[in-house]
Amino acid sequence: MQNSDTDLLFPMRVIPHLKNLRDSEWQALIDDVIKNDGDPISQMAFVMMMVGMGGCQTCNTHSFRAMRGCTQCGQQTIRRFRGTDSELIENFNNARIEVESYIKKRRADTTSSI
């Protein structure tokens, strides 16, 4: 069984569907991430955060999560998070720091090899 809402990793197209699941601090984060001229680092960080929280790396075509689809899985992941919105924002900020660090390291590696 294949679901057209199932991707290999958490897809950015699902982010708007998570907006109304939490309070205003979370909703503001979603607005920042999905705006048209959105920061690609923020977008990567959000996807990375959701991949980690939702366990996307262990999802496969025969799993219940895949049968439900990424939208429902992502919504369930956010609904089941027992921390505060501030903790979710902190998770996002940590993911953002990790993405920025990776990009800086890659740039340094690229320039040193030239």
PDB file of N, CA and C in Angstrom:
ATOM      1  N   MET A   1       0.839  -1.177   0.000  1.00  0.00           N
ATOM      2  CA  MET A   1       0.000   0.000   0.000  1.00  0.00           C
ATOM      3  C   MET A   1       0.884   1.239   0.000  1.00  0.00           C
ATOM      4  N   GLN A   2       0.653   2.148  -0.924  1.00  0.00           N
ATOM      5  CA  GLN A   2       1.446   3.358  -1.008  1.00  0.00           C
ATOM      6  C   GLN A   2       0.547   4.573  -0.809  1.00  0.00           C
ATOM      7  N   ASN A   3       0.989   5.480   0.042  1.00  0.00           N
ATOM      8  CA  ASN A   3       0.235   6.683   0.355  1.00  0.00           C
ATOM      9  C   ASN A   3       0.912   7.857  -0.351  1.00  0.00           C
ATOM     10  N   SER A   4       0.156   8.654  -1.068  1.00  0.00           N
ATOM     11  CA  SER A   4       0.743   9.783  -1.798  1.00  0.00           C
ATOM     12  C   SER A   4       1.207  10.894  -0.860  1.00  0.00           C
ATOM     13  N   ASP A   5       0.861  10.803   0.421  1.00  0.00           N
ATOM     14  CA  ASP A   5       1.283  11.795   1.410  1.00  0.00           C
ATOM     15  C   ASP A   5       2.529  11.337   2.167  1.00  0.00           C
ATOM     16  N   THR A   6       3.179  10.289   1.708  1.00  0.00           N
ATOM     17  CA  THR A   6       4.347   9.751   2.393  1.00  0.00           C
ATOM     18  C   THR A   6       5.606  10.041   1.591  1.00  0.00           C
ATOM     19  N   ASP A   7       6.578  10.632   2.266  1.00  0.00           N
ATOM     20  CA  ASP A   7       7.865  10.958   1.657  1.00  0.00           C
ATOM     21  C   ASP A   7       8.965  10.223   2.409  1.00  0.00           C
ATOM     22  N   LEU A   8      10.177  10.319   1.884  1.00  0.00           N
ATOM     23  CA  LEU A   8      11.311   9.661   2.505  1.00  0.00           C
ATOM     24  C   LEU A   8      11.641  10.279   3.866  1.00  0.00           C
ATOM     25  N   LEU A   9      11.646  11.598   3.929  1.00  0.00           N
ATOM     26  CA  LEU A   9      11.855  12.339   5.171  1.00  0.00           C
ATOM     27  C   LEU A   9      10.759  13.379   5.300  1.00  0.00           C
ATOM     28  N   PHE A  10      10.684  14.034   6.435  1.00  0.00           N
ATOM     29  CA  PHE A  10       9.635  15.018   6.672  1.00  0.00           C
ATOM     30  C   PHE A  10       9.651  16.097   5.585  1.00  0.00           C
ATOM     31  N   PRO A  11       8.538  16.253   4.862  1.00  0.00           N
ATOM     32  CA  PRO A  11       8.487  17.222   3.759  1.00  0.00           C
ATOM     33  C   PRO A  11       8.068  18.618   4.232  1.00  0.00           C
ATOM     34  N   MET A  12       8.667  19.639   3.650  1.00  0.00           N
ATOM     35  CA  MET A  12       8.329  21.015   4.013  1.00  0.00           C
ATOM     36  C   MET A  12       6.867  21.358   3.736  1.00  0.00           C
ATOM     37  N   ARG A  13       6.261  20.695   2.789  1.00  0.00           N
ATOM     38  CA  ARG A  13       4.867  20.999   2.446  1.00  0.00           C
ATOM     39  C   ARG A  13       3.912  20.733   3.603  1.00  0.00           C
ATOM     40  N   VAL A  14       4.348  19.980   4.605  1.00  0.00           N
ATOM     41  CA  VAL A  14       3.501  19.641   5.749  1.00  0.00           C
ATOM     42  C   VAL A  14       3.547  20.724   6.829  1.00  0.00           C
ATOM     43  N   ILE A  15       4.575  21.556   6.822  1.00  0.00           N
ATOM     44  CA  ILE A  15       4.767  22.537   7.895  1.00  0.00           C
ATOM     45  C   ILE A  15       3.526  23.395   8.145  1.00  0.00           C
ATOM     46  N   PRO A  16       2.862  23.949   7.125  1.00  0.00           N
ATOM     47  CA  PRO A  16       1.676  24.768   7.403  1.00  0.00           C
ATOM     48  C   PRO A  16       0.565  24.008   8.141  1.00  0.00           C
ATOM     49  N   HIS A  17       0.508  22.706   7.985  1.00  0.00           N
ATOM     50  CA  HIS A  17      -0.522  21.892   8.638  1.00  0.00           C
ATOM     51  C   HIS A  17      -0.272  21.721  10.137  1.00  0.00           C
ATOM     52  N   LEU A  18       0.878  22.176  10.612  1.00  0.00           N
ATOM     53  CA  LEU A  18       1.222  22.044  12.028  1.00  0.00           C
ATOM     54  C   LEU A  18       0.947  23.331  12.799  1.00  0.00           C
ATOM     55  N   LYS A  19       0.605  24.379  12.115  1.00  0.00           N
ATOM     56  CA  LYS A  19       0.520  25.708  12.723  1.00  0.00           C
ATOM     57  C   LYS A  19      -0.472  25.790  13.878  1.00  0.00           C
ATOM     58  N   ASN A  20      -1.659  25.320  13.712  1.00  0.00           N
ATOM     59  CA  ASN A  20      -2.708  25.531  14.713  1.00  0.00           C
ATOM     60  C   ASN A  20      -2.751  24.462  15.802  1.00  0.00           C
ATOM     61  N   LEU A  21      -1.681  23.700  15.926  1.00  0.00           N
ATOM     62  CA  LEU A  21      -1.655  22.633  16.929  1.00  0.00           C
ATOM     63  C   LEU A  21      -1.138  23.106  18.291  1.00  0.00           C
ATOM     64  N   ARG A  22      -0.510  24.273  18.327  1.00  0.00           N
ATOM     65  CA  ARG A  22       0.071  24.800  19.560  1.00  0.00           C
ATOM     66  C   ARG A  22      -0.309  26.271  19.709  1.00  0.00           C
ATOM     67  N   ASP A  23       0.274  26.919  20.702  1.00  0.00           N
ATOM     68  CA  ASP A  23      -0.058  28.310  20.997  1.00  0.00           C
ATOM     69  C   ASP A  23       0.667  29.298  20.087  1.00  0.00           C
ATOM     70  N   SER A  24       0.547  30.576  20.414  1.00  0.00           N
ATOM     71  CA  SER A  24       1.014  31.658  19.545  1.00  0.00           C
ATOM     72  C   SER A  24       2.517  31.638  19.286  1.00  0.00           C
ATOM     73  N   GLU A  25       3.325  31.235  20.256  1.00  0.00           N
ATOM     74  CA  GLU A  25       4.769  31.182  20.050  1.00  0.00           C
ATOM     75  C   GLU A  25       5.119  30.180  18.939  1.00  0.00           C
ATOM     76  N   TRP A  26       4.471  29.030  18.958  1.00  0.00           N
ATOM     77  CA  TRP A  26       4.652  28.006  17.931  1.00  0.00           C
ATOM     78  C   TRP A  26       4.136  28.515  16.592  1.00  0.00           C
ATOM     79  N   GLN A  27       2.976  29.134  16.590  1.00  0.00           N
ATOM     80  CA  GLN A  27       2.386  29.647  15.359  1.00  0.00           C
ATOM     81  C   GLN A  27       3.280  30.700  14.712  1.00  0.00           C
ATOM     82  N   ALA A  28       3.919  31.543  15.527  1.00  0.00           N
ATOM     83  CA  ALA A  28       4.845  32.549  14.995  1.00  0.00           C
ATOM     84  C   ALA A  28       6.055  31.873  14.353  1.00  0.00           C
ATOM     85  N   LEU A  29       6.548  30.797  14.964  1.00  0.00           N
ATOM     86  CA  LEU A  29       7.672  30.060  14.378  1.00  0.00           C
ATOM     87  C   LEU A  29       7.276  29.493  13.019  1.00  0.00           C
ATOM     88  N   ILE A  30       6.112  28.877  12.947  1.00  0.00           N
ATOM     89  CA  ILE A  30       5.641  28.308  11.685  1.00  0.00           C
ATOM     90  C   ILE A  30       5.544  29.410  10.626  1.00  0.00           C
ATOM     91  N   ASP A  31       4.980  30.553  10.991  1.00  0.00           N
ATOM     92  CA  ASP A  31       4.871  31.674  10.040  1.00  0.00           C
ATOM     93  C   ASP A  31       6.246  32.092   9.532  1.00  0.00           C
ATOM     94  N   ASP A  32       7.228  32.171  10.431  1.00  0.00           N
ATOM     95  CA  ASP A  32       8.582  32.557  10.023  1.00  0.00           C
ATOM     96  C   ASP A  32       9.199  31.535   9.076  1.00  0.00           C
ATOM     97  N   VAL A  33       8.977  30.273   9.349  1.00  0.00           N
ATOM     98  CA  VAL A  33       9.595  29.217   8.539  1.00  0.00           C
ATOM     99  C   VAL A  33       8.959  29.123   7.157  1.00  0.00           C
ATOM    100  N   ILE A  34       7.659  29.341   7.057  1.00  0.00           N
ATOM    101  CA  ILE A  34       6.983  29.126   5.766  1.00  0.00           C
ATOM    102  C   ILE A  34       6.813  30.386   4.919  1.00  0.00           C
ATOM    103  N   LYS A  35       7.217  31.551   5.418  1.00  0.00           N
ATOM    104  CA  LYS A  35       7.036  32.758   4.610  1.00  0.00           C
ATOM    105  C   LYS A  35       7.784  32.616   3.279  1.00  0.00           C
ATOM    106  N   ASN A  36       7.288  33.322   2.264  1.00  0.00           N
ATOM    107  CA  ASN A  36       7.799  33.171   0.896  1.00  0.00           C
ATOM    108  C   ASN A  36       9.303  33.365   0.782  1.00  0.00           C
ATOM    109  N   ASP A  37       9.834  34.349   1.470  1.00  0.00           N
ATOM    110  CA  ASP A  37      11.275  34.584   1.397  1.00  0.00           C
ATOM    111  C   ASP A  37      11.964  33.955   2.603  1.00  0.00           C
ATOM    112  N   GLY A  38      11.420  32.836   3.044  1.00  0.00           N
ATOM    113  CA  GLY A  38      11.911  32.157   4.235  1.00  0.00           C
ATOM    114  C   GLY A  38      13.392  31.826   4.181  1.00  0.00           C
ATOM    115  N   ASP A  39      13.979  31.842   5.337  1.00  0.00           N
ATOM    116  CA  ASP A  39      15.391  31.532   5.493  1.00  0.00           C
ATOM    117  C   ASP A  39      15.611  30.031   5.279  1.00  0.00           C
ATOM    118  N   PRO A  40      16.430  29.649   4.297  1.00  0.00           N
ATOM    119  CA  PRO A  40      16.632  28.221   4.037  1.00  0.00           C
ATOM    120  C   PRO A  40      17.249  27.478   5.229  1.00  0.00           C
ATOM    121  N   ILE A  41      18.045  28.163   6.036  1.00  0.00           N
ATOM    122  CA  ILE A  41      18.629  27.506   7.212  1.00  0.00           C
ATOM    123  C   ILE A  41      17.526  27.182   8.216  1.00  0.00           C
ATOM    124  N   SER A  42      16.582  28.098   8.392  1.00  0.00           N
ATOM    125  CA  SER A  42      15.452  27.834   9.288  1.00  0.00           C
ATOM    126  C   SER A  42      14.605  26.678   8.762  1.00  0.00           C
ATOM    127  N   GLN A  43      14.417  26.641   7.466  1.00  0.00           N
ATOM    128  CA  GLN A  43      13.624  25.565   6.878  1.00  0.00           C
ATOM    129  C   GLN A  43      14.307  24.214   7.071  1.00  0.00           C
ATOM    130  N   MET A  44      15.628  24.185   6.824  1.00  0.00           N
ATOM    131  CA  MET A  44      16.371  22.932   7.047  1.00  0.00           C
ATOM    132  C   MET A  44      16.333  22.525   8.507  1.00  0.00           C
ATOM    133  N   ALA A  45      16.472  23.502   9.400  1.00  0.00           N
ATOM    134  CA  ALA A  45      16.460  23.209  10.837  1.00  0.00           C
ATOM    135  C   ALA A  45      15.103  22.658  11.265  1.00  0.00           C
ATOM    136  N   PHE A  46      14.033  23.220  10.733  1.00  0.00           N
ATOM    137  CA  PHE A  46      12.702  22.733  11.098  1.00  0.00           C
ATOM    138  C   PHE A  46      12.510  21.297  10.623  1.00  0.00           C
ATOM    139  N   VAL A  47      12.897  21.040   9.395  1.00  0.00           N
ATOM    140  CA  VAL A  47      12.781  19.681   8.857  1.00  0.00           C
ATOM    141  C   VAL A  47      13.627  18.720   9.694  1.00  0.00           C
ATOM    142  N   MET A  48      14.841  19.124  10.025  1.00  0.00           N
ATOM    143  CA  MET A  48      15.722  18.267  10.825  1.00  0.00           C
ATOM    144  C   MET A  48      15.112  17.996  12.205  1.00  0.00           C
ATOM    145  N   MET A  49      14.517  19.019  12.813  1.00  0.00           N
ATOM    146  CA  MET A  49      13.870  18.843  14.107  1.00  0.00           C
ATOM    147  C   MET A  49      12.726  17.828  14.007  1.00  0.00           C
ATOM    148  N   MET A  50      11.907  17.976  12.976  1.00  0.00           N
ATOM    149  CA  MET A  50      10.768  17.074  12.813  1.00  0.00           C
ATOM    150  C   MET A  50      11.211  15.649  12.489  1.00  0.00           C
ATOM    151  N   VAL A  51      12.271  15.501  11.710  1.00  0.00           N
ATOM    152  CA  VAL A  51      12.807  14.166  11.401  1.00  0.00           C
ATOM    153  C   VAL A  51      13.223  13.475  12.695  1.00  0.00           C
ATOM    154  N   GLY A  52      13.896  14.219  13.563  1.00  0.00           N
ATOM    155  CA  GLY A  52      14.331  13.651  14.831  1.00  0.00           C
ATOM    156  C   GLY A  52      13.171  13.328  15.761  1.00  0.00           C
ATOM    157  N   MET A  53      12.226  14.241  15.873  1.00  0.00           N
ATOM    158  CA  MET A  53      11.097  14.034  16.779  1.00  0.00           C
ATOM    159  C   MET A  53      10.159  12.944  16.283  1.00  0.00           C
ATOM    160  N   GLY A  54       9.954  12.901  14.969  1.00  0.00           N
ATOM    161  CA  GLY A  54       8.990  11.961  14.403  1.00  0.00           C
ATOM    162  C   GLY A  54       9.569  10.600  14.054  1.00  0.00           C
ATOM    163  N   GLY A  55      10.880  10.476  14.104  1.00  0.00           N
ATOM    164  CA  GLY A  55      11.507   9.196  13.773  1.00  0.00           C
ATOM    165  C   GLY A  55      11.428   8.860  12.297  1.00  0.00           C
ATOM    166  N   CYS A  56      11.518   9.861  11.449  1.00  0.00           N
ATOM    167  CA  CYS A  56      11.400   9.639  10.000  1.00  0.00           C
ATOM    168  C   CYS A  56      12.438   8.648   9.476  1.00  0.00           C
ATOM    169  N   GLN A  57      13.616   8.624  10.089  1.00  0.00           N
ATOM    170  CA  GLN A  57      14.676   7.753   9.578  1.00  0.00           C
ATOM    171  C   GLN A  57      14.336   6.272   9.725  1.00  0.00           C
ATOM    172  N   THR A  58      13.393   5.922  10.592  1.00  0.00           N
ATOM    173  CA  THR A  58      13.012   4.517  10.739  1.00  0.00           C
ATOM    174  C   THR A  58      11.684   4.194  10.060  1.00  0.00           C
ATOM    175  N   CYS A  59      11.087   5.175   9.409  1.00  0.00           N
ATOM    176  CA  CYS A  59       9.816   4.957   8.718  1.00  0.00           C
ATOM    177  C   CYS A  59      10.077   4.199   7.415  1.00  0.00           C
ATOM    178  N   ASN A  60       9.201   3.277   7.094  1.00  0.00           N
ATOM    179  CA  ASN A  60       9.317   2.563   5.819  1.00  0.00           C
ATOM    180  C   ASN A  60       7.927   2.306   5.264  1.00  0.00           C
ATOM    181  N   THR A  61       7.851   1.824   4.053  1.00  0.00           N
ATOM    182  CA  THR A  61       6.562   1.692   3.370  1.00  0.00           C
ATOM    183  C   THR A  61       5.582   0.766   4.077  1.00  0.00           C
ATOM    184  N   HIS A  62       6.077  -0.097   4.932  1.00  0.00           N
ATOM    185  CA  HIS A  62       5.188  -1.033   5.618  1.00  0.00           C
ATOM    186  C   HIS A  62       4.833  -0.591   7.031  1.00  0.00           C
ATOM    187  N   SER A  63       5.298   0.582   7.433  1.00  0.00           N
ATOM    188  CA  SER A  63       5.015   1.037   8.790  1.00  0.00           C
ATOM    189  C   SER A  63       3.663   1.740   8.843  1.00  0.00           C
ATOM    190  N   PHE A  64       3.096   1.741  10.031  1.00  0.00           N
ATOM    191  CA  PHE A  64       1.818   2.402  10.250  1.00  0.00           C
ATOM    192  C   PHE A  64       1.938   3.894   9.955  1.00  0.00           C
ATOM    193  N   ARG A  65       3.082   4.481  10.322  1.00  0.00           N
ATOM    194  CA  ARG A  65       3.294   5.913  10.066  1.00  0.00           C
ATOM    195  C   ARG A  65       3.222   6.207   8.571  1.00  0.00           C
ATOM    196  N   ALA A  66       3.857   5.389   7.768  1.00  0.00           N
ATOM    197  CA  ALA A  66       3.857   5.617   6.321  1.00  0.00           C
ATOM    198  C   ALA A  66       2.459   5.444   5.740  1.00  0.00           C
ATOM    199  N   MET A  67       1.722   4.504   6.259  1.00  0.00           N
ATOM    200  CA  MET A  67       0.360   4.294   5.758  1.00  0.00           C
ATOM    201  C   MET A  67      -0.533   5.486   6.070  1.00  0.00           C
ATOM    202  N   ARG A  68      -0.300   6.138   7.197  1.00  0.00           N
ATOM    203  CA  ARG A  68      -1.087   7.317   7.566  1.00  0.00           C
ATOM    204  C   ARG A  68      -0.660   8.543   6.771  1.00  0.00           C
ATOM    205  N   GLY A  69       0.625   8.639   6.442  1.00  0.00           N
ATOM    206  CA  GLY A  69       1.133   9.773   5.688  1.00  0.00           C
ATOM    207  C   GLY A  69       1.858  10.772   6.578  1.00  0.00           C
ATOM    208  N   CYS A  70       2.672  11.586   5.944  1.00  0.00           N
ATOM    209  CA  CYS A  70       3.521  12.535   6.663  1.00  0.00           C
ATOM    210  C   CYS A  70       2.719  13.628   7.376  1.00  0.00           C
ATOM    211  N   THR A  71       1.623  14.071   6.782  1.00  0.00           N
ATOM    212  CA  THR A  71       0.836  15.135   7.409  1.00  0.00           C
ATOM    213  C   THR A  71       0.282  14.667   8.744  1.00  0.00           C
ATOM    214  N   GLN A  72      -0.362  13.528   8.758  1.00  0.00           N
ATOM    215  CA  GLN A  72      -0.929  13.024  10.014  1.00  0.00           C
ATOM    216  C   GLN A  72       0.151  12.656  11.016  1.00  0.00           C
ATOM    217  N   CYS A  73       1.240  12.094  10.539  1.00  0.00           N
ATOM    218  CA  CYS A  73       2.341  11.732  11.429  1.00  0.00           C
ATOM    219  C   CYS A  73       2.947  12.980  12.064  1.00  0.00           C
ATOM    220  N   GLY A  74       3.177  14.017  11.256  1.00  0.00           N
ATOM    221  CA  GLY A  74       3.726  15.261  11.775  1.00  0.00           C
ATOM    222  C   GLY A  74       2.805  15.912  12.791  1.00  0.00           C
ATOM    223  N   GLN A  75       1.520  15.913  12.502  1.00  0.00           N
ATOM    224  CA  GLN A  75       0.549  16.477  13.437  1.00  0.00           C
ATOM    225  C   GLN A  75       0.539  15.686  14.749  1.00  0.00           C
ATOM    226  N   GLN A  76       0.584  14.387  14.648  1.00  0.00           N
ATOM    227  CA  GLN A  76       0.602  13.550  15.845  1.00  0.00           C
ATOM    228  C   GLN A  76       1.878  13.791  16.657  1.00  0.00           C
ATOM    229  N   THR A  77       2.993  13.949  15.983  1.00  0.00           N
ATOM    230  CA  THR A  77       4.261  14.202  16.659  1.00  0.00           C
ATOM    231  C   THR A  77       4.182  15.484  17.484  1.00  0.00           C
ATOM    232  N   ILE A  78       3.631  16.540  16.902  1.00  0.00           N
ATOM    233  CA  ILE A  78       3.517  17.813  17.622  1.00  0.00           C
ATOM    234  C   ILE A  78       2.475  17.722  18.729  1.00  0.00           C
ATOM    235  N   ARG A  79       1.362  17.069  18.475  1.00  0.00           N
ATOM    236  CA  ARG A  79       0.334  16.910  19.521  1.00  0.00           C
ATOM    237  C   ARG A  79       0.858  16.118  20.713  1.00  0.00           C
ATOM    238  N   ARG A  80       1.661  15.114  20.447  1.00  0.00           N
ATOM    239  CA  ARG A  80       2.165  14.245  21.521  1.00  0.00           C
ATOM    240  C   ARG A  80       3.338  14.844  22.292  1.00  0.00           C
ATOM    241  N   PHE A  81       3.916  15.922  21.773  1.00  0.00           N
ATOM    242  CA  PHE A  81       5.036  16.545  22.478  1.00  0.00           C
ATOM    243  C   PHE A  81       4.524  17.104  23.796  1.00  0.00           C
ATOM    244  N   ARG A  82       5.075  16.633  24.886  1.00  0.00           N
ATOM    245  CA  ARG A  82       4.567  16.990  26.212  1.00  0.00           C
ATOM    246  C   ARG A  82       5.205  18.238  26.802  1.00  0.00           C
ATOM    247  N   GLY A  83       6.188  18.788  26.119  1.00  0.00           N
ATOM    248  CA  GLY A  83       6.827  20.005  26.610  1.00  0.00           C
ATOM    249  C   GLY A  83       6.026  21.240  26.236  1.00  0.00           C
ATOM    250  N   THR A  84       6.568  22.376  26.596  1.00  0.00           N
ATOM    251  CA  THR A  84       5.933  23.656  26.295  1.00  0.00           C
ATOM    252  C   THR A  84       6.315  24.112  24.888  1.00  0.00           C
ATOM    253  N   ASP A  85       5.633  25.154  24.440  1.00  0.00           N
ATOM    254  CA  ASP A  85       6.007  25.754  23.160  1.00  0.00           C
ATOM    255  C   ASP A  85       7.446  26.258  23.224  1.00  0.00           C
ATOM    256  N   SER A  86       7.828  26.804  24.358  1.00  0.00           N
ATOM    257  CA  SER A  86       9.201  27.299  24.520  1.00  0.00           C
ATOM    258  C   SER A  86      10.212  26.177  24.344  1.00  0.00           C
ATOM    259  N   GLU A  87       9.889  24.991  24.814  1.00  0.00           N
ATOM    260  CA  GLU A  87      10.786  23.845  24.635  1.00  0.00           C
ATOM    261  C   GLU A  87      10.854  23.429  23.169  1.00  0.00           C
ATOM    262  N   LEU A  88       9.738  23.495  22.480  1.00  0.00           N
ATOM    263  CA  LEU A  88       9.746  23.209  21.042  1.00  0.00           C
ATOM    264  C   LEU A  88      10.605  24.232  20.300  1.00  0.00           C
ATOM    265  N   ILE A  89      10.470  25.486  20.662  1.00  0.00           N
ATOM    266  CA  ILE A  89      11.266  26.542  20.044  1.00  0.00           C
ATOM    267  C   ILE A  89      12.748  26.308  20.349  1.00  0.00           C
ATOM    268  N   GLU A  90      13.054  25.879  21.560  1.00  0.00           N
ATOM    269  CA  GLU A  90      14.439  25.568  21.919  1.00  0.00           C
ATOM    270  C   GLU A  90      14.968  24.407  21.080  1.00  0.00           C
ATOM    271  N   ASN A  91      14.147  23.387  20.857  1.00  0.00           N
ATOM    272  CA  ASN A  91      14.542  22.274  19.982  1.00  0.00           C
ATOM    273  C   ASN A  91      14.856  22.793  18.578  1.00  0.00           C
ATOM    274  N   PHE A  92      14.000  23.690  18.084  1.00  0.00           N
ATOM    275  CA  PHE A  92      14.226  24.286  16.772  1.00  0.00           C
ATOM    276  C   PHE A  92      15.528  25.077  16.751  1.00  0.00           C
ATOM    277  N   ASN A  93      15.742  25.901  17.766  1.00  0.00           N
ATOM    278  CA  ASN A  93      16.968  26.714  17.817  1.00  0.00           C
ATOM    279  C   ASN A  93      18.215  25.837  17.887  1.00  0.00           C
ATOM    280  N   ASN A  94      18.152  24.728  18.618  1.00  0.00           N
ATOM    281  CA  ASN A  94      19.279  23.789  18.662  1.00  0.00           C
ATOM    282  C   ASN A  94      19.532  23.173  17.295  1.00  0.00           C
ATOM    283  N   ALA A  95      18.466  22.825  16.588  1.00  0.00           N
ATOM    284  CA  ALA A  95      18.605  22.273  15.231  1.00  0.00           C
ATOM    285  C   ALA A  95      19.197  23.327  14.303  1.00  0.00           C
ATOM    286  N   ARG A  96      18.786  24.554  14.471  1.00  0.00           N
ATOM    287  CA  ARG A  96      19.316  25.651  13.639  1.00  0.00           C
ATOM    288  C   ARG A  96      20.814  25.828  13.878  1.00  0.00           C
ATOM    289  N   ILE A  97      21.234  25.786  15.133  1.00  0.00           N
ATOM    290  CA  ILE A  97      22.662  25.898  15.465  1.00  0.00           C
ATOM    291  C   ILE A  97      23.441  24.758  14.820  1.00  0.00           C
ATOM    292  N   GLU A  98      22.868  23.561  14.862  1.00  0.00           N
ATOM    293  CA  GLU A  98      23.532  22.401  14.253  1.00  0.00           C
ATOM    294  C   GLU A  98      23.663  22.555  12.742  1.00  0.00           C
ATOM    295  N   VAL A  99      22.619  23.048  12.090  1.00  0.00           N
ATOM    296  CA  VAL A  99      22.666  23.265  10.637  1.00  0.00           C
ATOM    297  C   VAL A  99      23.704  24.332  10.301  1.00  0.00           C
ATOM    298  N   GLU A 100      23.695  25.436  11.035  1.00  0.00           N
ATOM    299  CA  GLU A 100      24.668  26.506  10.787  1.00  0.00           C
ATOM    300  C   GLU A 100      26.097  26.007  10.978  1.00  0.00           C
ATOM    301  N   SER A 101      26.307  25.225  12.017  1.00  0.00           N
ATOM    302  CA  SER A 101      27.632  24.671  12.290  1.00  0.00           C
ATOM    303  C   SER A 101      28.092  23.761  11.151  1.00  0.00           C
ATOM    304  N   TYR A 102      27.193  22.929  10.671  1.00  0.00           N
ATOM    305  CA  TYR A 102      27.518  22.024   9.564  1.00  0.00           C
ATOM    306  C   TYR A 102      27.896  22.824   8.313  1.00  0.00           C
ATOM    307  N   ILE A 103      27.127  23.857   8.016  1.00  0.00           N
ATOM    308  CA  ILE A 103      27.394  24.665   6.818  1.00  0.00           C
ATOM    309  C   ILE A 103      28.745  25.364   6.945  1.00  0.00           C
ATOM    310  N   LYS A 104      29.043  25.922   8.105  1.00  0.00           N
ATOM    311  CA  LYS A 104      30.342  26.577   8.310  1.00  0.00           C
ATOM    312  C   LYS A 104      31.484  25.587   8.149  1.00  0.00           C
ATOM    313  N   LYS A 105      31.315  24.397   8.696  1.00  0.00           N
ATOM    314  CA  LYS A 105      32.361  23.377   8.585  1.00  0.00           C
ATOM    315  C   LYS A 105      32.570  22.987   7.131  1.00  0.00           C
ATOM    316  N   ARG A 106      31.491  22.798   6.399  1.00  0.00           N
ATOM    317  CA  ARG A 106      31.597  22.432   4.975  1.00  0.00           C
ATOM    318  C   ARG A 106      32.283  23.551   4.178  1.00  0.00           C
ATOM    319  N   ARG A 107      31.952  24.784   4.477  1.00  0.00           N
ATOM    320  CA  ARG A 107      32.599  25.905   3.782  1.00  0.00           C
ATOM    321  C   ARG A 107      34.090  25.924   4.083  1.00  0.00           C
ATOM    322  N   ALA A 108      34.441  25.703   5.335  1.00  0.00           N
ATOM    323  CA  ALA A 108      35.847  25.689   5.734  1.00  0.00           C
ATOM    324  C   ALA A 108      36.580  24.543   5.042  1.00  0.00           C
ATOM    325  N   ASP A 109      35.945  23.376   4.976  1.00  0.00           N
ATOM    326  CA  ASP A 109      36.549  22.227   4.297  1.00  0.00           C
ATOM    327  C   ASP A 109      36.739  22.504   2.810  1.00  0.00           C
ATOM    328  N   THR A 110      35.768  23.162   2.200  1.00  0.00           N
ATOM    329  CA  THR A 110      35.832  23.457   0.771  1.00  0.00           C
ATOM    330  C   THR A 110      36.930  24.476   0.480  1.00  0.00           C
ATOM    331  N   THR A 111      37.027  25.518   1.291  1.00  0.00           N
ATOM    332  CA  THR A 111      38.041  26.539   1.023  1.00  0.00           C
ATOM    333  C   THR A 111      39.451  26.050   1.335  1.00  0.00           C
ATOM    334  N   SER A 112      39.585  25.154   2.297  1.00  0.00           N
ATOM    335  CA  SER A 112      40.923  24.639   2.632  1.00  0.00           C
ATOM    336  C   SER A 112      41.439  23.648   1.597  1.00  0.00           C
ATOM    337  N   SER A 113      40.540  23.056   0.830  1.00  0.00           N
ATOM    338  CA  SER A 113      40.970  22.076  -0.165  1.00  0.00           C
ATOM    339  C   SER A 113      41.285  22.718  -1.520  1.00  0.00           C
ATOM    340  N   ILE A 114      41.055  24.006  -1.624  1.00  0.00           N
ATOM    341  CA  ILE A 114      41.315  24.710  -2.902  1.00  0.00           C
ATOM    342  C   ILE A 114      42.747  25.147  -2.980  1.00  0.00           C
TER     343      ILE A 114
END
